[in-house]
Amino acid sequence: MTVKTLMYNERVFSNLTSDAAVSFGIPDSVYNEALSNQEWMDIRSKRDGLIEDTDSTYLRHQRELRLGKLVDDADNPTTLSSAQLTELDTYVQALADIPQSYASPDDVVWPKKPSI
């Protein structure tokens, strides 16, 4: 894997492999930290996209509530039941908690999106 951008000793390196880092005299610890930071940025980006994928479901639910539909109502229910809304909230919170829940990017286990 390559590090997209690394600044070391006032120089900026792009698309840096570990072999290239060694040839430039960049310590392994500096390269590995940059690689880990990049992996966490990639994970956050994926996480943010997965959270954004749920936005339309939340917006539809809120619109239905504003229009007078009721959660779990027999006659005029919202698209999401209270159980489905809880599942979706739990999923989104699990996504939000990923950076705080794992010590290493390699350990991340993505939660399963509920079928709604």
N, C-alpha and C. Protein backbone atom coordinates (compact mmCIF):
# COMPACT_ATOMS: atom_id res chain seq x y z
N MET A 1 0.85 -1.18 0.00
CA MET A 1 0.00 0.00 0.00
C MET A 1 0.89 1.23 0.00
N THR A 2 0.36 2.29 -0.56
CA THR A 2 1.12 3.53 -0.62
C THR A 2 0.46 4.60 0.24
N VAL A 3 1.29 5.49 0.72
CA VAL A 3 0.80 6.67 1.44
C VAL A 3 0.60 7.76 0.40
N LYS A 4 -0.60 8.32 0.38
CA LYS A 4 -0.92 9.32 -0.64
C LYS A 4 -0.05 10.56 -0.51
N THR A 5 0.07 11.07 0.71
CA THR A 5 0.88 12.27 0.95
C THR A 5 1.54 12.16 2.32
N LEU A 6 2.84 12.45 2.36
CA LEU A 6 3.59 12.41 3.61
C LEU A 6 4.54 13.59 3.62
N MET A 7 4.53 14.34 4.73
CA MET A 7 5.47 15.44 4.89
C MET A 7 6.51 15.01 5.91
N TYR A 8 7.78 15.10 5.51
CA TYR A 8 8.87 14.71 6.41
C TYR A 8 10.07 15.61 6.12
N ASN A 9 10.63 16.19 7.17
CA ASN A 9 11.79 17.09 7.05
C ASN A 9 11.54 18.17 5.99
N GLU A 10 10.36 18.79 6.08
CA GLU A 10 9.98 19.90 5.22
C GLU A 10 9.87 19.52 3.74
N ARG A 11 9.78 18.21 3.46
CA ARG A 11 9.56 17.74 2.09
C ARG A 11 8.22 17.03 2.03
N VAL A 12 7.56 17.16 0.90
CA VAL A 12 6.28 16.49 0.69
C VAL A 12 6.50 15.36 -0.31
N PHE A 13 6.06 14.18 0.10
CA PHE A 13 6.16 12.99 -0.75
C PHE A 13 4.75 12.55 -1.12
N SER A 14 4.59 12.15 -2.37
CA SER A 14 3.28 11.68 -2.84
C SER A 14 3.38 10.24 -3.32
N ASN A 15 2.30 9.48 -3.08
CA ASN A 15 2.23 8.08 -3.51
C ASN A 15 3.49 7.32 -3.11
N LEU A 16 3.78 7.36 -1.84
CA LEU A 16 5.03 6.83 -1.29
C LEU A 16 4.85 5.38 -0.85
N THR A 17 5.67 4.49 -1.40
CA THR A 17 5.67 3.10 -0.95
C THR A 17 6.64 2.96 0.21
N SER A 18 6.58 1.84 0.90
CA SER A 18 7.50 1.64 2.03
C SER A 18 8.94 1.55 1.54
N ASP A 19 9.16 0.95 0.38
CA ASP A 19 10.53 0.87 -0.17
C ASP A 19 11.06 2.26 -0.50
N ALA A 20 10.21 3.09 -1.08
CA ALA A 20 10.63 4.46 -1.40
C ALA A 20 10.90 5.24 -0.13
N ALA A 21 10.08 5.03 0.90
CA ALA A 21 10.30 5.72 2.17
C ALA A 21 11.66 5.38 2.74
N VAL A 22 12.04 4.12 2.67
CA VAL A 22 13.36 3.70 3.16
C VAL A 22 14.45 4.39 2.36
N SER A 23 14.28 4.45 1.04
CA SER A 23 15.32 5.07 0.20
C SER A 23 15.46 6.56 0.47
N PHE A 24 14.38 7.21 0.94
CA PHE A 24 14.45 8.63 1.28
C PHE A 24 14.85 8.86 2.73
N GLY A 25 15.12 7.79 3.46
CA GLY A 25 15.54 7.91 4.86
C GLY A 25 14.41 8.22 5.82
N ILE A 26 13.20 7.91 5.43
CA ILE A 26 12.05 8.14 6.30
C ILE A 26 11.92 6.96 7.25
N PRO A 27 11.92 7.20 8.55
CA PRO A 27 11.82 6.10 9.51
C PRO A 27 10.52 5.30 9.33
N ASP A 28 10.61 4.00 9.59
CA ASP A 28 9.44 3.13 9.49
C ASP A 28 8.29 3.66 10.35
N SER A 29 8.61 4.17 11.54
CA SER A 29 7.56 4.64 12.44
C SER A 29 6.78 5.80 11.82
N VAL A 30 7.47 6.69 11.12
CA VAL A 30 6.82 7.83 10.48
C VAL A 30 5.94 7.35 9.33
N TYR A 31 6.49 6.44 8.51
CA TYR A 31 5.73 5.90 7.38
C TYR A 31 4.50 5.14 7.87
N ASN A 32 4.68 4.28 8.88
CA ASN A 32 3.57 3.48 9.40
C ASN A 32 2.47 4.34 10.01
N GLU A 33 2.86 5.41 10.70
CA GLU A 33 1.86 6.32 11.27
C GLU A 33 1.07 7.01 10.16
N ALA A 34 1.77 7.45 9.11
CA ALA A 34 1.08 8.09 7.98
C ALA A 34 0.14 7.10 7.29
N LEU A 35 0.58 5.86 7.17
CA LEU A 35 -0.25 4.84 6.54
C LEU A 35 -1.50 4.57 7.39
N SER A 36 -1.32 4.47 8.69
CA SER A 36 -2.45 4.25 9.59
C SER A 36 -3.43 5.42 9.54
N ASN A 37 -2.90 6.65 9.54
CA ASN A 37 -3.76 7.84 9.45
C ASN A 37 -4.56 7.84 8.15
N GLN A 38 -3.92 7.44 7.06
CA GLN A 38 -4.60 7.37 5.77
C GLN A 38 -5.69 6.30 5.80
N GLU A 39 -5.39 5.15 6.40
CA GLU A 39 -6.39 4.08 6.49
C GLU A 39 -7.59 4.53 7.31
N TRP A 40 -7.34 5.26 8.41
CA TRP A 40 -8.45 5.78 9.22
C TRP A 40 -9.26 6.80 8.43
N MET A 41 -8.60 7.64 7.63
CA MET A 41 -9.32 8.61 6.80
C MET A 41 -10.21 7.88 5.79
N ASP A 42 -9.68 6.80 5.19
CA ASP A 42 -10.46 6.01 4.24
C ASP A 42 -11.67 5.36 4.93
N ILE A 43 -11.46 4.86 6.13
CA ILE A 43 -12.55 4.24 6.89
C ILE A 43 -13.61 5.28 7.23
N ARG A 44 -13.18 6.46 7.68
CA ARG A 44 -14.16 7.52 7.99
C ARG A 44 -14.95 7.93 6.75
N SER A 45 -14.26 7.99 5.62
CA SER A 45 -14.93 8.34 4.37
C SER A 45 -15.98 7.30 4.00
N LYS A 46 -15.63 6.02 4.11
CA LYS A 46 -16.60 4.95 3.83
C LYS A 46 -17.76 5.03 4.82
N ARG A 47 -17.42 5.21 6.10
CA ARG A 47 -18.43 5.32 7.15
C ARG A 47 -19.40 6.46 6.86
N ASP A 48 -18.84 7.62 6.50
CA ASP A 48 -19.68 8.79 6.21
C ASP A 48 -20.63 8.51 5.05
N GLY A 49 -20.13 7.81 4.03
CA GLY A 49 -20.98 7.45 2.90
C GLY A 49 -22.11 6.52 3.30
N LEU A 50 -21.81 5.55 4.15
CA LEU A 50 -22.84 4.62 4.61
C LEU A 50 -23.90 5.34 5.45
N ILE A 51 -23.45 6.29 6.27
CA ILE A 51 -24.41 7.08 7.05
C ILE A 51 -25.28 7.93 6.11
N GLU A 52 -24.64 8.55 5.12
CA GLU A 52 -25.40 9.37 4.16
C GLU A 52 -26.44 8.54 3.42
N ASP A 53 -26.13 7.26 3.19
CA ASP A 53 -27.08 6.37 2.50
C ASP A 53 -28.38 6.20 3.29
N THR A 54 -28.35 6.48 4.58
CA THR A 54 -29.57 6.33 5.39
C THR A 54 -30.36 7.64 5.48
N ASP A 55 -29.77 8.73 5.04
CA ASP A 55 -30.42 10.04 5.19
C ASP A 55 -31.80 10.09 4.54
N SER A 56 -31.95 9.52 3.35
CA SER A 56 -33.25 9.61 2.67
C SER A 56 -34.33 8.86 3.45
N THR A 57 -33.95 7.77 4.11
CA THR A 57 -34.91 7.02 4.92
C THR A 57 -35.37 7.86 6.10
N TYR A 58 -34.41 8.51 6.78
CA TYR A 58 -34.77 9.38 7.90
C TYR A 58 -35.62 10.57 7.44
N LEU A 59 -35.25 11.15 6.30
CA LEU A 59 -36.01 12.30 5.79
C LEU A 59 -37.44 11.90 5.45
N ARG A 60 -37.61 10.74 4.82
CA ARG A 60 -38.96 10.27 4.50
C ARG A 60 -39.77 10.08 5.78
N HIS A 61 -39.14 9.48 6.79
CA HIS A 61 -39.82 9.24 8.06
C HIS A 61 -40.26 10.56 8.70
N GLN A 62 -39.37 11.54 8.72
CA GLN A 62 -39.70 12.84 9.30
C GLN A 62 -40.82 13.53 8.52
N ARG A 63 -40.77 13.43 7.19
CA ARG A 63 -41.82 14.03 6.36
C ARG A 63 -43.17 13.39 6.68
N GLU A 64 -43.18 12.06 6.79
CA GLU A 64 -44.43 11.36 7.10
C GLU A 64 -44.99 11.79 8.46
N LEU A 65 -44.11 11.98 9.44
CA LEU A 65 -44.57 12.45 10.75
C LEU A 65 -45.17 13.84 10.66
N ARG A 66 -44.51 14.73 9.90
CA ARG A 66 -45.02 16.10 9.74
C ARG A 66 -46.38 16.10 9.04
N LEU A 67 -46.60 15.11 8.17
CA LEU A 67 -47.86 15.03 7.43
C LEU A 67 -48.95 14.30 8.20
N GLY A 68 -48.65 13.94 9.44
CA GLY A 68 -49.68 13.38 10.30
C GLY A 68 -49.71 11.87 10.43
N LYS A 69 -48.78 11.20 9.76
CA LYS A 69 -48.73 9.75 9.95
C LYS A 69 -48.18 9.46 11.34
N LEU A 70 -48.50 8.30 11.87
CA LEU A 70 -48.06 7.92 13.21
C LEU A 70 -47.28 6.62 13.17
N VAL A 71 -46.24 6.55 13.95
CA VAL A 71 -45.45 5.33 14.04
C VAL A 71 -46.32 4.23 14.63
N ASP A 72 -46.30 3.07 13.99
CA ASP A 72 -47.02 1.88 14.45
C ASP A 72 -48.54 2.06 14.51
N ASP A 73 -49.07 3.05 13.81
CA ASP A 73 -50.52 3.27 13.79
C ASP A 73 -51.16 2.26 12.83
N ALA A 74 -52.29 1.72 13.21
CA ALA A 74 -52.97 0.72 12.38
C ALA A 74 -53.56 1.33 11.12
N ASP A 75 -54.02 2.56 11.18
CA ASP A 75 -54.72 3.17 10.05
C ASP A 75 -53.83 4.03 9.15
N ASN A 76 -52.86 4.71 9.72
CA ASN A 76 -52.05 5.66 8.95
C ASN A 76 -50.59 5.60 9.42
N PRO A 77 -49.93 4.45 9.21
CA PRO A 77 -48.58 4.29 9.76
C PRO A 77 -47.50 4.93 8.90
N THR A 78 -46.41 5.26 9.54
CA THR A 78 -45.22 5.68 8.82
C THR A 78 -44.61 4.46 8.14
N THR A 79 -43.75 4.71 7.16
CA THR A 79 -43.09 3.61 6.46
C THR A 79 -42.27 2.78 7.43
N LEU A 80 -41.61 3.44 8.38
CA LEU A 80 -40.79 2.74 9.37
C LEU A 80 -41.59 2.48 10.64
N SER A 81 -41.55 1.25 11.09
CA SER A 81 -42.13 0.95 12.40
C SER A 81 -41.15 1.40 13.48
N SER A 82 -41.58 1.40 14.71
CA SER A 82 -40.67 1.78 15.79
C SER A 82 -39.51 0.80 15.88
N ALA A 83 -39.75 -0.48 15.63
CA ALA A 83 -38.67 -1.47 15.66
C ALA A 83 -37.67 -1.22 14.54
N GLN A 84 -38.16 -0.90 13.34
CA GLN A 84 -37.27 -0.61 12.22
C GLN A 84 -36.47 0.66 12.47
N LEU A 85 -37.10 1.66 13.04
CA LEU A 85 -36.40 2.90 13.35
C LEU A 85 -35.30 2.66 14.38
N THR A 86 -35.58 1.84 15.37
CA THR A 86 -34.56 1.49 16.37
C THR A 86 -33.40 0.74 15.72
N GLU A 87 -33.71 -0.19 14.81
CA GLU A 87 -32.66 -0.92 14.10
C GLU A 87 -31.78 0.03 13.29
N LEU A 88 -32.42 0.97 12.60
CA LEU A 88 -31.68 1.93 11.79
C LEU A 88 -30.83 2.84 12.67
N ASP A 89 -31.40 3.32 13.77
CA ASP A 89 -30.63 4.16 14.70
C ASP A 89 -29.43 3.40 15.26
N THR A 90 -29.61 2.15 15.60
CA THR A 90 -28.52 1.33 16.14
C THR A 90 -27.42 1.14 15.10
N TYR A 91 -27.81 0.90 13.87
CA TYR A 91 -26.85 0.74 12.77
C TYR A 91 -26.05 2.03 12.55
N VAL A 92 -26.74 3.15 12.48
CA VAL A 92 -26.07 4.44 12.24
C VAL A 92 -25.14 4.77 13.41
N GLN A 93 -25.56 4.50 14.63
CA GLN A 93 -24.70 4.77 15.79
C GLN A 93 -23.47 3.86 15.77
N ALA A 94 -23.65 2.61 15.38
CA ALA A 94 -22.50 1.69 15.28
C ALA A 94 -21.51 2.20 14.24
N LEU A 95 -22.01 2.72 13.13
CA LEU A 95 -21.12 3.32 12.13
C LEU A 95 -20.39 4.53 12.71
N ALA A 96 -21.13 5.40 13.39
CA ALA A 96 -20.53 6.60 13.97
C ALA A 96 -19.45 6.27 14.99
N ASP A 97 -19.61 5.16 15.69
CA ASP A 97 -18.68 4.77 16.76
C ASP A 97 -17.44 4.02 16.27
N ILE A 98 -17.36 3.70 14.99
CA ILE A 98 -16.26 2.87 14.50
C ILE A 98 -14.88 3.39 14.89
N PRO A 99 -14.56 4.67 14.67
CA PRO A 99 -13.20 5.11 15.02
C PRO A 99 -12.86 4.96 16.51
N GLN A 100 -13.87 5.07 17.38
CA GLN A 100 -13.62 4.95 18.81
C GLN A 100 -13.68 3.49 19.28
N SER A 101 -14.22 2.62 18.46
CA SER A 101 -14.44 1.24 18.87
C SER A 101 -13.31 0.29 18.50
N TYR A 102 -12.41 0.73 17.63
CA TYR A 102 -11.35 -0.16 17.15
C TYR A 102 -9.99 0.50 17.32
N ALA A 103 -9.02 -0.30 17.72
CA ALA A 103 -7.67 0.21 17.93
C ALA A 103 -6.91 0.34 16.62
N SER A 104 -7.26 -0.49 15.65
CA SER A 104 -6.53 -0.52 14.38
C SER A 104 -7.52 -0.56 13.22
N PRO A 105 -7.18 0.08 12.12
CA PRO A 105 -8.04 0.00 10.94
C PRO A 105 -8.25 -1.44 10.47
N ASP A 106 -7.27 -2.29 10.69
CA ASP A 106 -7.37 -3.69 10.27
C ASP A 106 -8.41 -4.46 11.07
N ASP A 107 -8.79 -3.96 12.24
CA ASP A 107 -9.73 -4.66 13.11
C ASP A 107 -11.20 -4.31 12.84
N VAL A 108 -11.43 -3.30 12.02
CA VAL A 108 -12.79 -2.80 11.82
C VAL A 108 -13.70 -3.88 11.23
N VAL A 109 -14.84 -4.06 11.87
CA VAL A 109 -15.89 -4.94 11.37
C VAL A 109 -17.10 -4.04 11.10
N TRP A 110 -17.53 -4.02 9.86
CA TRP A 110 -18.62 -3.14 9.48
C TRP A 110 -19.96 -3.73 9.92
N PRO A 111 -20.81 -2.91 10.54
CA PRO A 111 -22.13 -3.42 10.94
C PRO A 111 -22.97 -3.71 9.70
N LYS A 112 -23.89 -4.63 9.85
CA LYS A 112 -24.78 -5.01 8.75
C LYS A 112 -25.97 -4.05 8.72
N LYS A 113 -26.24 -3.52 7.54
CA LYS A 113 -27.36 -2.59 7.39
C LYS A 113 -28.66 -3.38 7.54
N PRO A 114 -29.57 -2.87 8.34
CA PRO A 114 -30.85 -3.58 8.50
C PRO A 114 -31.66 -3.54 7.21
N SER A 115 -32.38 -4.60 6.96
CA SER A 115 -33.26 -4.61 5.78
C SER A 115 -34.58 -3.94 6.17
N ILE A 116 -34.83 -2.84 5.52
CA ILE A 116 -36.02 -2.05 5.85
C ILE A 116 -36.88 -1.93 4.60
